[in-house]
C-alpha cells in the first residue's frame, strides 16, 4: 500500500512538472533547480552571481525555505524579482508549489529562473520541478563524503559548485579526490570551484549560466 501511495505522489508531481516545463519553454526561460545542504552557501552564491548575471540576462529567483523569508529578503536587495515559498516543515519543494507562484512572475521578462530548493541533499533530488537542469552547491566545510553518501543527487545534476574553496588549507579535503568521486558518479558533470566570500571563480559560473540561457533561447 505504501508503494502505491508514493507512486501516486510522484505521478502527480511529474504531470505538474511537465506543465511547468512547458510554461518555461513557451517563454524561453531557462529554469535551474539549486540543491545543497544547509550552510553550503546556496543563497550566498546567488547574491554573488546576480550582479554579473544582470549585466547580460534577466534573472528571477524562487526561494524555498522551511519557515522564514530571510533568503528572499537577501535576494530582493539585489533588485531582481523574487518569491519566497515556505514549506512549513517540508523538506523539499515540489512542482505544485512552483506552479502556484509562476503566475506572479512576468516570464516574458525573465531569461533565467533560479529555484533555490530547501537545504537538503536527499528529497529535492527526487522531485522534478519542471526545471531544465539541477545544480548542486557543495562546500569544503561539509567534508568530502557527500558524493558517496548522496550519489543520486550528484547523478541527476548537470553541475556542481564547490564553494568555500578558500577553506581548503584548513580542512582535510583533497580537492582532486573530491572531484574524482563526483565524476565517478557523473562523468559528464560540470564542476566549478568558487569562494563566494572572496568572490573567486564566479566569472566562469556566471558565464556558463548565461551560455545555457542563450542555448535555450536559440533552440526554443
Foldseek 3Di string as FASTA:
>chain_A
DVVVVVVVVQVVLVVLLQVVLVVCLVLLAAEEEEAAAVPLCPLLLCLLQVVVLVVPFAEEEEEEEQDDCVSVVSNVVVPHHYHYDHPVRDQWDTQVSVVVCVVVDPSNRHLYYYYYIYRDLEPHLSHRNNHPFYEYRGEVVVPQCVCVVRVSSLLRGQEYEYEPLVCVVVHPHDVVVSVVSSCVSPVRHHYFYYYSVVSPRSVVVSVVVSVVSVVSVVVD
